N, C-alpha and C. Protein backbone atom coordinates (compact mmCIF):
# COMPACT_ATOMS: atom_id res chain seq x y z
N MET A 1 99.97 112.47 80.95
CA MET A 1 99.10 112.91 82.01
C MET A 1 99.78 112.65 83.36
N SER A 2 99.63 113.59 84.25
CA SER A 2 100.18 113.45 85.59
C SER A 2 99.13 113.91 86.59
N TRP A 3 99.22 113.40 87.79
CA TRP A 3 98.31 113.86 88.83
C TRP A 3 98.86 115.14 89.43
N THR A 4 98.09 116.22 89.37
CA THR A 4 98.52 117.49 89.93
C THR A 4 97.74 117.86 91.18
N SER A 5 96.64 117.17 91.41
CA SER A 5 95.81 117.47 92.57
C SER A 5 95.24 116.16 93.12
N LEU A 6 95.61 115.84 94.35
CA LEU A 6 95.14 114.64 95.02
C LEU A 6 94.16 115.02 96.12
N MET A 7 93.17 114.17 96.34
CA MET A 7 92.21 114.42 97.41
C MET A 7 92.24 113.23 98.37
N VAL A 8 92.40 113.50 99.64
CA VAL A 8 92.38 112.44 100.65
C VAL A 8 91.14 112.63 101.52
N VAL A 9 90.43 111.53 101.72
CA VAL A 9 89.21 111.54 102.52
C VAL A 9 89.58 111.15 103.95
N LEU A 10 89.24 112.02 104.88
CA LEU A 10 89.53 111.77 106.30
C LEU A 10 88.23 111.55 107.06
N ASP A 11 88.33 110.79 108.13
CA ASP A 11 87.19 110.56 109.01
C ASP A 11 87.73 110.31 110.42
N ALA A 12 86.83 110.03 111.34
CA ALA A 12 87.24 109.84 112.73
C ALA A 12 87.73 108.42 113.01
N GLY A 13 87.80 107.58 112.01
CA GLY A 13 88.24 106.20 112.19
C GLY A 13 89.71 106.09 112.51
N PRO A 14 90.14 104.95 113.02
CA PRO A 14 91.53 104.78 113.44
C PRO A 14 92.53 104.71 112.28
N ASP A 15 92.07 104.46 111.06
CA ASP A 15 92.97 104.32 109.92
C ASP A 15 93.16 105.60 109.13
N SER A 16 92.47 106.64 109.52
CA SER A 16 92.52 107.90 108.79
C SER A 16 93.94 108.50 108.77
N GLY A 17 94.66 108.40 109.88
CA GLY A 17 96.01 108.95 109.96
C GLY A 17 96.97 108.26 109.01
N ARG A 18 96.86 106.94 108.88
CA ARG A 18 97.73 106.20 107.95
C ARG A 18 97.43 106.60 106.51
N ARG A 19 96.15 106.76 106.22
CA ARG A 19 95.74 107.18 104.88
C ARG A 19 96.28 108.57 104.57
N LEU A 20 96.24 109.46 105.54
CA LEU A 20 96.77 110.80 105.35
C LEU A 20 98.27 110.76 105.11
N ALA A 21 98.99 109.94 105.85
CA ALA A 21 100.45 109.82 105.66
C ALA A 21 100.77 109.33 104.25
N LEU A 22 100.02 108.37 103.76
CA LEU A 22 100.23 107.87 102.40
C LEU A 22 99.91 108.95 101.38
N ALA A 23 98.85 109.70 101.60
CA ALA A 23 98.49 110.78 100.68
C ALA A 23 99.57 111.85 100.63
N VAL A 24 100.15 112.17 101.78
CA VAL A 24 101.25 113.15 101.82
C VAL A 24 102.44 112.63 101.03
N GLU A 25 102.76 111.35 101.20
CA GLU A 25 103.86 110.75 100.45
C GLU A 25 103.60 110.81 98.94
N LEU A 26 102.39 110.51 98.52
CA LEU A 26 102.05 110.57 97.09
C LEU A 26 102.08 112.01 96.58
N ALA A 27 101.59 112.95 97.37
CA ALA A 27 101.61 114.36 96.96
C ALA A 27 103.05 114.84 96.75
N ARG A 28 103.94 114.42 97.63
CA ARG A 28 105.35 114.80 97.46
C ARG A 28 105.94 114.16 96.20
N ALA A 29 105.65 112.89 95.97
CA ALA A 29 106.19 112.18 94.81
C ALA A 29 105.69 112.79 93.50
N PHE A 30 104.45 113.21 93.47
CA PHE A 30 103.87 113.77 92.25
C PHE A 30 104.00 115.29 92.20
N GLU A 31 104.55 115.89 93.26
CA GLU A 31 104.63 117.35 93.38
C GLU A 31 103.25 117.95 93.13
N ALA A 32 102.28 117.38 93.82
CA ALA A 32 100.88 117.73 93.62
C ALA A 32 100.31 118.46 94.83
N ARG A 33 99.24 119.16 94.59
CA ARG A 33 98.48 119.80 95.66
C ARG A 33 97.65 118.71 96.34
N LEU A 34 97.54 118.78 97.65
CA LEU A 34 96.76 117.80 98.41
C LEU A 34 95.55 118.49 99.02
N ILE A 35 94.39 117.95 98.72
CA ILE A 35 93.13 118.47 99.26
C ILE A 35 92.62 117.47 100.29
N GLY A 36 92.38 117.94 101.49
CA GLY A 36 91.78 117.11 102.52
C GLY A 36 90.29 117.37 102.56
N VAL A 37 89.51 116.32 102.64
CA VAL A 37 88.05 116.48 102.64
C VAL A 37 87.45 115.54 103.68
N ALA A 38 86.41 116.03 104.32
CA ALA A 38 85.65 115.22 105.27
C ALA A 38 84.23 115.75 105.31
N GLY A 39 83.32 114.85 105.47
CA GLY A 39 81.93 115.21 105.66
C GLY A 39 81.44 114.57 106.94
N VAL A 40 80.75 115.35 107.75
CA VAL A 40 80.23 114.84 109.01
C VAL A 40 78.76 115.25 109.11
N VAL A 41 77.91 114.28 109.36
CA VAL A 41 76.48 114.55 109.53
C VAL A 41 76.28 115.05 110.95
N SER A 42 75.51 116.13 111.08
CA SER A 42 75.34 116.71 112.41
C SER A 42 74.23 116.06 113.22
N THR A 43 73.43 115.20 112.61
CA THR A 43 72.39 114.49 113.34
C THR A 43 72.44 113.02 112.95
N PRO A 44 72.66 112.11 113.89
CA PRO A 44 72.67 110.68 113.54
C PRO A 44 71.36 110.27 112.88
N PRO A 45 71.43 109.42 111.85
CA PRO A 45 70.23 109.06 111.10
C PRO A 45 69.11 108.47 111.95
N ILE A 46 69.43 107.70 112.97
CA ILE A 46 68.38 107.08 113.77
C ILE A 46 67.51 108.13 114.47
N LEU A 47 68.11 109.28 114.78
CA LEU A 47 67.34 110.29 115.50
C LEU A 47 66.42 111.07 114.58
N THR A 48 66.63 111.02 113.27
CA THR A 48 65.74 111.71 112.35
C THR A 48 64.80 110.73 111.68
N ASP A 49 64.86 109.47 112.04
CA ASP A 49 63.99 108.44 111.49
C ASP A 49 62.57 108.67 112.04
N PRO A 50 61.57 108.80 111.14
CA PRO A 50 60.22 109.07 111.62
C PRO A 50 59.66 107.93 112.48
N TRP A 51 60.17 106.72 112.31
CA TRP A 51 59.70 105.60 113.11
C TRP A 51 60.27 105.66 114.53
N PHE A 52 61.34 106.42 114.71
CA PHE A 52 61.97 106.53 116.02
C PHE A 52 61.21 107.51 116.92
N GLY A 53 60.50 108.41 116.32
CA GLY A 53 59.76 109.35 117.14
C GLY A 53 59.74 110.75 116.57
N GLY A 54 60.52 110.99 115.51
CA GLY A 54 60.40 112.26 114.82
C GLY A 54 61.24 113.38 115.37
N GLY A 55 60.65 114.27 116.15
CA GLY A 55 61.28 115.52 116.49
C GLY A 55 62.38 115.45 117.53
N LEU A 56 63.26 116.41 117.44
CA LEU A 56 64.34 116.56 118.41
C LEU A 56 64.29 117.97 118.96
N SER A 57 64.66 118.12 120.19
CA SER A 57 64.66 119.45 120.79
C SER A 57 65.81 120.27 120.20
N PRO A 58 65.68 121.57 120.20
CA PRO A 58 66.77 122.42 119.70
C PRO A 58 68.09 122.20 120.44
N GLU A 59 68.01 121.90 121.74
CA GLU A 59 69.23 121.67 122.51
C GLU A 59 69.96 120.42 122.04
N VAL A 60 69.21 119.36 121.75
CA VAL A 60 69.81 118.12 121.26
C VAL A 60 70.44 118.35 119.89
N LEU A 61 69.73 119.05 119.01
CA LEU A 61 70.26 119.36 117.68
C LEU A 61 71.54 120.18 117.79
N GLU A 62 71.55 121.15 118.70
CA GLU A 62 72.74 121.97 118.89
C GLU A 62 73.92 121.15 119.41
N THR A 63 73.65 120.22 120.30
CA THR A 63 74.70 119.34 120.82
C THR A 63 75.34 118.53 119.70
N PHE A 64 74.49 117.92 118.87
CA PHE A 64 75.03 117.13 117.75
C PHE A 64 75.77 118.00 116.75
N ARG A 65 75.30 119.21 116.52
CA ARG A 65 75.98 120.13 115.60
C ARG A 65 77.36 120.49 116.17
N ASN A 66 77.42 120.74 117.48
CA ASN A 66 78.71 121.05 118.12
C ASN A 66 79.68 119.88 118.04
N LEU A 67 79.18 118.66 118.22
CA LEU A 67 80.04 117.48 118.10
C LEU A 67 80.58 117.34 116.68
N ALA A 68 79.74 117.59 115.69
CA ALA A 68 80.18 117.52 114.29
C ALA A 68 81.23 118.59 114.01
N ASP A 69 81.00 119.80 114.52
CA ASP A 69 81.99 120.88 114.33
C ASP A 69 83.32 120.53 114.98
N GLU A 70 83.28 119.93 116.17
CA GLU A 70 84.51 119.53 116.86
C GLU A 70 85.26 118.45 116.07
N GLU A 71 84.52 117.50 115.52
CA GLU A 71 85.15 116.45 114.72
C GLU A 71 85.83 117.04 113.49
N LEU A 72 85.15 117.95 112.80
CA LEU A 72 85.75 118.60 111.63
C LEU A 72 86.98 119.42 112.02
N ALA A 73 86.90 120.11 113.14
CA ALA A 73 88.05 120.91 113.60
C ALA A 73 89.24 120.01 113.91
N SER A 74 89.00 118.89 114.55
CA SER A 74 90.07 117.95 114.87
C SER A 74 90.71 117.40 113.60
N LEU A 75 89.91 117.03 112.62
CA LEU A 75 90.44 116.52 111.35
C LEU A 75 91.22 117.61 110.61
N SER A 76 90.74 118.83 110.69
CA SER A 76 91.42 119.95 110.05
C SER A 76 92.81 120.18 110.65
N VAL A 77 92.91 120.10 111.96
CA VAL A 77 94.20 120.27 112.63
C VAL A 77 95.16 119.15 112.24
N ALA A 78 94.68 117.91 112.23
CA ALA A 78 95.53 116.78 111.84
C ALA A 78 96.01 116.95 110.40
N PHE A 79 95.14 117.41 109.52
CA PHE A 79 95.51 117.63 108.12
C PHE A 79 96.56 118.73 108.01
N ALA A 80 96.35 119.83 108.71
CA ALA A 80 97.30 120.94 108.66
C ALA A 80 98.68 120.52 109.17
N GLU A 81 98.72 119.76 110.24
CA GLU A 81 100.00 119.31 110.79
C GLU A 81 100.72 118.37 109.82
N ALA A 82 99.98 117.49 109.19
CA ALA A 82 100.61 116.50 108.29
C ALA A 82 101.06 117.11 106.97
N THR A 83 100.45 118.21 106.57
CA THR A 83 100.76 118.78 105.25
C THR A 83 101.65 120.01 105.33
N ALA A 84 102.27 120.25 106.45
CA ALA A 84 103.16 121.40 106.57
C ALA A 84 104.23 121.32 105.46
N GLY A 85 104.40 122.39 104.74
CA GLY A 85 105.38 122.44 103.67
C GLY A 85 104.85 121.98 102.31
N LEU A 86 103.63 121.53 102.26
CA LEU A 86 103.01 121.11 101.00
C LEU A 86 101.99 122.16 100.55
N SER A 87 101.67 122.12 99.28
CA SER A 87 100.54 122.87 98.79
C SER A 87 99.30 122.09 99.19
N ALA A 88 98.51 122.62 100.12
CA ALA A 88 97.40 121.86 100.67
C ALA A 88 96.20 122.76 100.92
N GLU A 89 95.04 122.13 100.93
CA GLU A 89 93.79 122.85 101.14
C GLU A 89 92.82 121.94 101.89
N TRP A 90 92.11 122.49 102.86
CA TRP A 90 91.16 121.72 103.66
C TRP A 90 89.74 122.07 103.22
N ARG A 91 88.88 121.04 103.05
CA ARG A 91 87.49 121.23 102.64
C ARG A 91 86.54 120.38 103.47
N GLY A 92 86.59 120.50 104.76
CA GLY A 92 85.68 119.77 105.64
C GLY A 92 84.35 120.50 105.73
N GLN A 93 83.26 119.74 105.72
CA GLN A 93 81.93 120.33 105.73
C GLN A 93 80.96 119.47 106.52
N ILE A 94 79.91 120.11 106.98
CA ILE A 94 78.78 119.39 107.55
C ILE A 94 77.97 118.86 106.37
N GLY A 95 77.70 117.58 106.38
CA GLY A 95 76.91 116.97 105.31
C GLY A 95 77.21 115.49 105.24
N HIS A 96 76.42 114.77 104.46
CA HIS A 96 76.63 113.34 104.30
C HIS A 96 78.00 113.13 103.65
N PRO A 97 78.86 112.29 104.24
CA PRO A 97 80.24 112.17 103.75
C PRO A 97 80.37 111.85 102.26
N ALA A 98 79.60 110.90 101.75
CA ALA A 98 79.72 110.56 100.33
C ALA A 98 79.31 111.73 99.45
N ASP A 99 78.31 112.49 99.86
CA ASP A 99 77.88 113.65 99.08
C ASP A 99 78.94 114.74 99.09
N VAL A 100 79.54 114.98 100.25
CA VAL A 100 80.59 116.00 100.36
C VAL A 100 81.78 115.63 99.47
N VAL A 101 82.23 114.38 99.55
CA VAL A 101 83.38 113.94 98.76
C VAL A 101 83.06 114.03 97.27
N THR A 102 81.89 113.58 96.88
CA THR A 102 81.49 113.63 95.47
C THR A 102 81.47 115.06 94.96
N ARG A 103 80.90 115.96 95.73
CA ARG A 103 80.81 117.37 95.33
C ARG A 103 82.21 117.99 95.20
N GLU A 104 83.09 117.69 96.14
CA GLU A 104 84.42 118.28 96.13
C GLU A 104 85.38 117.59 95.16
N SER A 105 85.02 116.42 94.68
CA SER A 105 85.93 115.63 93.83
C SER A 105 86.25 116.31 92.51
N ARG A 106 85.48 117.29 92.12
CA ARG A 106 85.74 118.00 90.87
C ARG A 106 87.11 118.66 90.86
N ALA A 107 87.66 118.91 92.03
CA ALA A 107 88.94 119.61 92.14
C ALA A 107 90.15 118.67 92.12
N ALA A 108 89.92 117.36 92.00
CA ALA A 108 91.03 116.41 92.15
C ALA A 108 91.17 115.50 90.93
N ASP A 109 92.40 115.04 90.72
CA ASP A 109 92.67 114.05 89.68
C ASP A 109 92.41 112.63 90.19
N VAL A 110 92.57 112.42 91.48
CA VAL A 110 92.35 111.10 92.09
C VAL A 110 91.89 111.30 93.53
N ILE A 111 91.07 110.37 94.01
CA ILE A 111 90.57 110.41 95.38
C ILE A 111 91.19 109.24 96.14
N ILE A 112 91.79 109.55 97.27
CA ILE A 112 92.42 108.53 98.12
C ILE A 112 91.52 108.35 99.34
N MET A 113 91.01 107.14 99.50
CA MET A 113 90.11 106.91 100.63
C MET A 113 90.26 105.50 101.15
N GLY A 114 89.70 105.25 102.30
CA GLY A 114 89.74 103.93 102.91
C GLY A 114 88.58 103.07 102.44
N ARG A 115 88.67 101.79 102.78
CA ARG A 115 87.56 100.90 102.43
C ARG A 115 86.36 101.22 103.31
N ARG A 116 85.28 100.52 103.10
CA ARG A 116 84.06 100.75 103.88
C ARG A 116 84.40 100.72 105.36
N SER A 117 84.00 101.74 106.04
CA SER A 117 84.39 101.95 107.43
C SER A 117 83.46 101.23 108.41
N PRO A 118 84.02 100.81 109.55
CA PRO A 118 83.14 100.29 110.59
C PRO A 118 82.27 101.40 111.19
N LEU A 119 82.67 102.66 110.93
CA LEU A 119 81.80 103.77 111.31
C LEU A 119 80.59 103.70 110.39
N CYS A 120 79.49 104.24 110.79
CA CYS A 120 78.32 104.19 109.92
C CYS A 120 78.52 105.13 108.73
N ASP A 121 77.68 104.99 107.71
CA ASP A 121 77.80 105.81 106.51
C ASP A 121 77.62 107.29 106.78
N SER A 122 77.08 107.64 107.92
CA SER A 122 76.91 109.06 108.23
C SER A 122 78.20 109.66 108.80
N ARG A 123 79.23 108.82 109.06
CA ARG A 123 80.49 109.33 109.60
C ARG A 123 81.66 109.15 108.64
N ALA A 124 81.55 108.23 107.68
CA ALA A 124 82.61 107.97 106.70
C ALA A 124 81.96 107.51 105.41
N PRO A 125 82.46 107.98 104.27
CA PRO A 125 81.82 107.62 103.00
C PRO A 125 82.12 106.18 102.59
N ASP A 126 81.18 105.59 101.90
CA ASP A 126 81.37 104.27 101.31
C ASP A 126 82.10 104.46 99.98
N PRO A 127 83.23 103.75 99.76
CA PRO A 127 83.97 103.94 98.51
C PRO A 127 83.14 103.63 97.27
N GLY A 128 82.21 102.68 97.37
CA GLY A 128 81.36 102.37 96.22
C GLY A 128 80.48 103.55 95.83
N ASP A 129 79.93 104.24 96.82
CA ASP A 129 79.10 105.42 96.54
C ASP A 129 79.93 106.50 95.85
N VAL A 130 81.14 106.73 96.34
CA VAL A 130 82.01 107.76 95.77
C VAL A 130 82.45 107.36 94.36
N LEU A 131 82.84 106.12 94.19
CA LEU A 131 83.31 105.63 92.90
C LEU A 131 82.25 105.81 91.82
N LEU A 132 81.00 105.49 92.14
CA LEU A 132 79.94 105.58 91.15
C LEU A 132 79.50 107.01 90.87
N ALA A 133 79.68 107.91 91.82
CA ALA A 133 79.15 109.26 91.66
C ALA A 133 80.20 110.32 91.32
N ALA A 134 81.45 110.10 91.67
CA ALA A 134 82.45 111.17 91.58
C ALA A 134 83.00 111.39 90.18
N GLY A 135 83.09 110.34 89.38
CA GLY A 135 83.67 110.51 88.05
C GLY A 135 85.17 110.69 88.08
N ARG A 136 85.79 110.24 89.15
CA ARG A 136 87.25 110.32 89.31
C ARG A 136 87.77 108.95 89.72
N PRO A 137 89.04 108.67 89.43
CA PRO A 137 89.59 107.41 89.93
C PRO A 137 89.69 107.46 91.46
N VAL A 138 89.48 106.30 92.06
CA VAL A 138 89.52 106.18 93.52
C VAL A 138 90.58 105.16 93.89
N LEU A 139 91.54 105.58 94.70
CA LEU A 139 92.56 104.69 95.24
C LEU A 139 92.10 104.29 96.63
N VAL A 140 91.67 103.04 96.79
CA VAL A 140 91.18 102.56 98.09
C VAL A 140 92.36 101.99 98.85
N VAL A 141 92.66 102.59 99.99
CA VAL A 141 93.82 102.24 100.81
C VAL A 141 93.38 101.24 101.88
N PRO A 142 94.11 100.14 102.04
CA PRO A 142 93.76 99.20 103.11
C PRO A 142 93.95 99.85 104.48
N PRO A 143 93.33 99.28 105.52
CA PRO A 143 93.41 99.90 106.85
C PRO A 143 94.84 100.08 107.35
N ARG A 144 95.68 99.10 107.10
CA ARG A 144 97.08 99.20 107.55
C ARG A 144 97.99 98.88 106.37
N PRO A 145 98.23 99.88 105.51
CA PRO A 145 99.08 99.59 104.35
C PRO A 145 100.47 99.16 104.79
N VAL A 146 100.97 98.08 104.21
CA VAL A 146 102.28 97.57 104.61
C VAL A 146 103.41 98.28 103.88
N ARG A 147 103.09 98.86 102.73
CA ARG A 147 104.11 99.63 102.01
C ARG A 147 103.42 100.61 101.07
N SER A 148 104.19 101.54 100.63
CA SER A 148 103.71 102.55 99.70
C SER A 148 103.57 101.93 98.31
N PRO A 149 102.63 102.40 97.51
CA PRO A 149 102.54 101.90 96.14
C PRO A 149 103.67 102.43 95.24
N LEU A 150 104.44 103.38 95.74
CA LEU A 150 105.55 103.91 94.97
C LEU A 150 106.70 102.91 94.97
N ALA A 151 107.23 102.61 93.82
CA ALA A 151 108.35 101.68 93.63
C ALA A 151 108.00 100.24 94.02
N ALA A 152 106.74 99.94 94.20
CA ALA A 152 106.30 98.57 94.50
C ALA A 152 105.83 97.91 93.22
N PRO A 153 105.83 96.60 93.17
CA PRO A 153 105.31 95.92 91.97
C PRO A 153 103.84 96.26 91.75
N ALA A 154 103.45 96.32 90.50
CA ALA A 154 102.07 96.62 90.15
C ALA A 154 101.52 95.51 89.26
N VAL A 155 100.26 95.24 89.42
CA VAL A 155 99.56 94.26 88.58
C VAL A 155 98.42 94.99 87.90
N LEU A 156 98.28 94.77 86.61
CA LEU A 156 97.21 95.40 85.85
C LEU A 156 96.33 94.30 85.27
N ALA A 157 95.09 94.24 85.74
CA ALA A 157 94.13 93.28 85.19
C ALA A 157 93.55 93.92 83.93
N TRP A 158 93.36 93.12 82.90
CA TRP A 158 92.98 93.70 81.61
C TRP A 158 91.89 92.89 80.94
N SER A 159 90.99 93.60 80.33
CA SER A 159 90.04 93.01 79.39
C SER A 159 89.86 94.05 78.29
N GLU A 160 89.42 93.62 77.15
CA GLU A 160 89.31 94.53 76.00
C GLU A 160 87.98 95.29 76.07
N GLN A 161 87.79 95.98 77.19
CA GLN A 161 86.56 96.74 77.40
C GLN A 161 86.93 98.21 77.61
N ALA A 162 85.99 99.08 77.33
CA ALA A 162 86.21 100.51 77.50
C ALA A 162 86.56 100.85 78.94
N GLU A 163 85.91 100.19 79.89
CA GLU A 163 86.17 100.46 81.31
C GLU A 163 87.60 100.12 81.68
N ALA A 164 88.13 99.02 81.14
CA ALA A 164 89.51 98.61 81.44
C ALA A 164 90.49 99.60 80.83
N ARG A 165 90.24 100.04 79.62
CA ARG A 165 91.13 101.02 78.98
C ARG A 165 91.13 102.33 79.76
N ARG A 166 89.95 102.76 80.17
CA ARG A 166 89.86 104.02 80.93
C ARG A 166 90.57 103.89 82.28
N ALA A 167 90.35 102.78 82.98
CA ALA A 167 90.99 102.58 84.28
C ALA A 167 92.51 102.55 84.14
N ALA A 168 93.01 101.87 83.11
CA ALA A 168 94.46 101.81 82.91
C ALA A 168 95.02 103.19 82.59
N ALA A 169 94.32 103.94 81.75
CA ALA A 169 94.79 105.29 81.41
C ALA A 169 94.82 106.19 82.63
N LEU A 170 93.80 106.10 83.48
CA LEU A 170 93.74 106.94 84.68
C LEU A 170 94.78 106.52 85.71
N ALA A 171 95.21 105.27 85.68
CA ALA A 171 96.20 104.77 86.64
C ALA A 171 97.63 104.98 86.16
N LEU A 172 97.85 105.41 84.93
CA LEU A 172 99.21 105.55 84.39
C LEU A 172 100.14 106.38 85.27
N PRO A 173 99.70 107.50 85.83
CA PRO A 173 100.63 108.24 86.69
C PRO A 173 101.18 107.41 87.84
N LEU A 174 100.33 106.60 88.47
CA LEU A 174 100.79 105.76 89.57
C LEU A 174 101.61 104.59 89.04
N LEU A 175 101.22 104.04 87.90
CA LEU A 175 101.95 102.91 87.32
C LEU A 175 103.38 103.32 86.92
N ARG A 176 103.56 104.56 86.52
CA ARG A 176 104.90 105.05 86.17
C ARG A 176 105.85 105.03 87.36
N HIS A 177 105.29 105.13 88.55
CA HIS A 177 106.09 105.12 89.78
C HIS A 177 106.25 103.71 90.35
N ALA A 178 105.63 102.72 89.71
CA ALA A 178 105.66 101.35 90.24
C ALA A 178 107.00 100.70 89.91
N GLY A 179 107.32 99.66 90.66
CA GLY A 179 108.55 98.90 90.42
C GLY A 179 108.33 97.97 89.28
């Protein structure tokens, strides 16, 4: 088994660019297609909270929708610039980030994402939500990776459980590239 399609989750956080660079490096190493995905909520949750006051004017809703569209456009441009020369596809959408990533994850062998973001859940997906719902392996990248996982030492924690066997089998493509 080899990874032929990788998905990288992008957001407006400061670590998104490093995650994208690592995903590009992995896509080149695996000669895989790279899918960029992002979900942006067009209305902050506090403004739709019924305890906050309920309704919003059409102008306010349009402003938030425009901000979400601008954020997606900016992420799309960054993805296109970083993936020049690669087989790549962008799938940014308006919607709750974890839901967007989960829905789009069907197209990928592995999802590359950051840890829980200081941005709220409406701006960046929680890896736990994606892990439980996507049905795909998730590679959680630290905010400032010090080195690539390629040719680096690897540690495999093991127990004689079905979950451990499945995790090890799904990680074999990356483990083959480990030092």
